[in-house]
C-alpha atoms as a PDB file:
ATOM      1  CA  MET A   1       0.000   0.000   0.000  1.00  0.00           C
ATOM      2  CA  SER A   2       1.460   3.339  -1.015  1.00  0.00           C
ATOM      3  CA  GLU A   3       1.287   6.622   0.858  1.00  0.00           C
ATOM      4  CA  ASN A   4      -1.251   7.785  -1.749  1.00  0.00           C
ATOM      5  CA  ASP A   5      -3.670   5.065  -0.632  1.00  0.00           C
ATOM      6  CA  ILE A   6      -3.914   6.341   2.947  1.00  0.00           C
ATOM      7  CA  ASN A   7      -7.493   7.466   3.703  1.00  0.00           C
ATOM      8  CA  ILE A   8      -8.640   6.364   0.226  1.00  0.00           C
ATOM      9  CA  ARG A   9      -8.827   2.562   0.282  1.00  0.00           C
ATOM     10  CA  ALA A  10     -11.308   0.743   2.478  1.00  0.00           C
ATOM     11  CA  ALA A  11      -8.622  -0.213   4.992  1.00  0.00           C
ATOM     12  CA  ASP A  12      -5.265   1.388   5.645  1.00  0.00           C
ATOM     13  CA  ARG A  13      -2.690   1.381   8.414  1.00  0.00           C
ATOM     14  CA  TYR A  14      -4.889   3.670  10.507  1.00  0.00           C
ATOM     15  CA  SER A  15      -7.681   1.102  10.502  1.00  0.00           C
ATOM     16  CA  PHE A  16      -5.780  -0.603  13.316  1.00  0.00           C
ATOM     17  CA  LEU A  17      -5.951   2.616  15.328  1.00  0.00           C
ATOM     18  CA  HIS A  18      -9.758   2.570  15.047  1.00  0.00           C
ATOM     19  CA  PHE A  19      -9.740  -1.112  15.992  1.00  0.00           C
ATOM     20  CA  GLY A  20      -7.673  -0.313  19.102  1.00  0.00           C
ATOM     21  CA  ALA A  21      -9.919   2.611  20.005  1.00  0.00           C
ATOM     22  CA  GLY A  22     -12.862   0.209  19.922  1.00  0.00           C
ATOM     23  CA  ILE A  23     -11.082  -2.122  22.331  1.00  0.00           C
ATOM     24  CA  VAL A  24     -10.369   0.802  24.664  1.00  0.00           C
ATOM     25  CA  ALA A  25     -14.004   1.957  24.496  1.00  0.00           C
ATOM     26  CA  SER A  26     -15.118  -1.552  25.418  1.00  0.00           C
ATOM     27  CA  LYS A  27     -12.700  -1.747  28.346  1.00  0.00           C
ATOM     28  CA  LEU A  28     -14.089   1.594  29.559  1.00  0.00           C
ATOM     29  CA  ASN A  29     -17.545  -0.029  29.626  1.00  0.00           C
ATOM     30  CA  ILE A  30     -19.007   2.476  27.180  1.00  0.00           C
ATOM     31  CA  PRO A  31     -22.441   1.227  26.111  1.00  0.00           C
ATOM     32  CA  PRO A  32     -22.516  -0.175  22.547  1.00  0.00           C
ATOM     33  CA  LEU A  33     -24.878   2.450  21.115  1.00  0.00           C
ATOM     34  CA  THR A  34     -22.818   5.237  22.659  1.00  0.00           C
ATOM     35  CA  ALA A  35     -19.625   3.704  21.261  1.00  0.00           C
ATOM     36  CA  LEU A  36     -21.140   3.494  17.780  1.00  0.00           C
ATOM     37  CA  THR A  37     -22.362   7.077  18.046  1.00  0.00           C
ATOM     38  CA  LEU A  38     -18.900   8.269  19.096  1.00  0.00           C
ATOM     39  CA  ALA A  39     -17.276   6.425  16.186  1.00  0.00           C
ATOM     40  CA  ILE A  40     -19.701   8.013  13.731  1.00  0.00           C
ATOM     41  CA  LEU A  41     -19.306  11.469  15.275  1.00  0.00           C
ATOM     42  CA  PHE A  42     -15.539  11.202  15.027  1.00  0.00           C
ATOM     43  CA  GLU A  43     -15.796  10.453  11.314  1.00  0.00           C
ATOM     44  CA  ILE A  44     -18.044  13.519  10.928  1.00  0.00           C
ATOM     45  CA  ILE A  45     -15.775  15.929  12.812  1.00  0.00           C
ATOM     46  CA  GLU A  46     -12.491  14.491  11.497  1.00  0.00           C
ATOM     47  CA  PRO A  47     -12.485  16.467   8.185  1.00  0.00           C
ATOM     48  CA  PRO A  48     -12.842  19.900   9.823  1.00  0.00           C
ATOM     49  CA  LEU A  49     -10.254  18.894  12.435  1.00  0.00           C
ATOM     50  CA  LYS A  50      -7.830  17.972   9.639  1.00  0.00           C
ATOM     51  CA  LEU A  51      -8.401  21.355   8.011  1.00  0.00           C
ATOM     52  CA  THR A  52      -8.041  23.286  11.255  1.00  0.00           C
ATOM     53  CA  PHE A  53      -5.172  21.300  12.788  1.00  0.00           C
ATOM     54  CA  PRO A  54      -3.326  19.619   9.897  1.00  0.00           C
ATOM     55  CA  ASN A  55      -0.111  19.296  11.917  1.00  0.00           C
ATOM     56  CA  TYR A  56      -1.835  16.879  14.301  1.00  0.00           C
ATOM     57  CA  PHE A  57      -2.615  14.400  11.517  1.00  0.00           C
ATOM     58  CA  PRO A  58       0.050  12.403   9.669  1.00  0.00           C
ATOM     59  CA  HIS A  59      -2.143  12.471   6.518  1.00  0.00           C
ATOM     60  CA  PRO A  60      -4.469  15.490   6.720  1.00  0.00           C
ATOM     61  CA  VAL A  61      -6.432  14.622   3.595  1.00  0.00           C
ATOM     62  CA  ALA A  62     -10.131  13.822   3.507  1.00  0.00           C
ATOM     63  CA  ASP A  63     -11.092  10.186   4.000  1.00  0.00           C
ATOM     64  CA  SER A  64     -13.072   8.467   1.284  1.00  0.00           C
ATOM     65  CA  THR A  65     -16.573   7.341   2.170  1.00  0.00           C
ATOM     66  CA  ILE A  66     -15.541   3.682   2.080  1.00  0.00           C
ATOM     67  CA  ASN A  67     -12.621   4.449   4.404  1.00  0.00           C
ATOM     68  CA  LYS A  68     -14.914   6.203   6.886  1.00  0.00           C
ATOM     69  CA  LEU A  69     -17.344   3.292   6.906  1.00  0.00           C
ATOM     70  CA  THR A  70     -14.538   0.776   7.302  1.00  0.00           C
ATOM     71  CA  ASP A  71     -13.037   2.797  10.158  1.00  0.00           C
ATOM     72  CA  ILE A  72     -16.379   2.637  11.967  1.00  0.00           C
ATOM     73  CA  GLY A  73     -16.524  -1.090  11.290  1.00  0.00           C
ATOM     74  CA  PHE A  74     -13.018  -1.661  12.640  1.00  0.00           C
ATOM     75  CA  PHE A  75     -13.924   0.359  15.738  1.00  0.00           C
ATOM     76  CA  MET A  76     -16.998  -1.767  16.383  1.00  0.00           C
ATOM     77  CA  ILE A  77     -15.124  -5.022  15.757  1.00  0.00           C
ATOM     78  CA  GLY A  78     -12.546  -3.955  18.321  1.00  0.00           C
ATOM     79  CA  PHE A  79     -15.369  -2.954  20.648  1.00  0.00           C
ATOM     80  CA  SER A  80     -16.976  -6.378  20.346  1.00  0.00           C
ATOM     81  CA  LEU A  81     -13.886  -8.279  21.533  1.00  0.00           C
END
């Protein structure tokens, strides 16, 4: 996977970060619906955060729709473990 594929393909190296965040949310006993809502909200606020604070993101480019959906899926898979 090339650097140009980050945030474009369904899964990328940051998918594992979402997976790990799901595990953490589960360990914090966050209710499932709340966890799903937080994952979705993050994907909604991520683009403006990347525009406002690009230095905080290794790849401050907009995620593709498929990447956003996959990130939410990875989060919830991690949450379910």
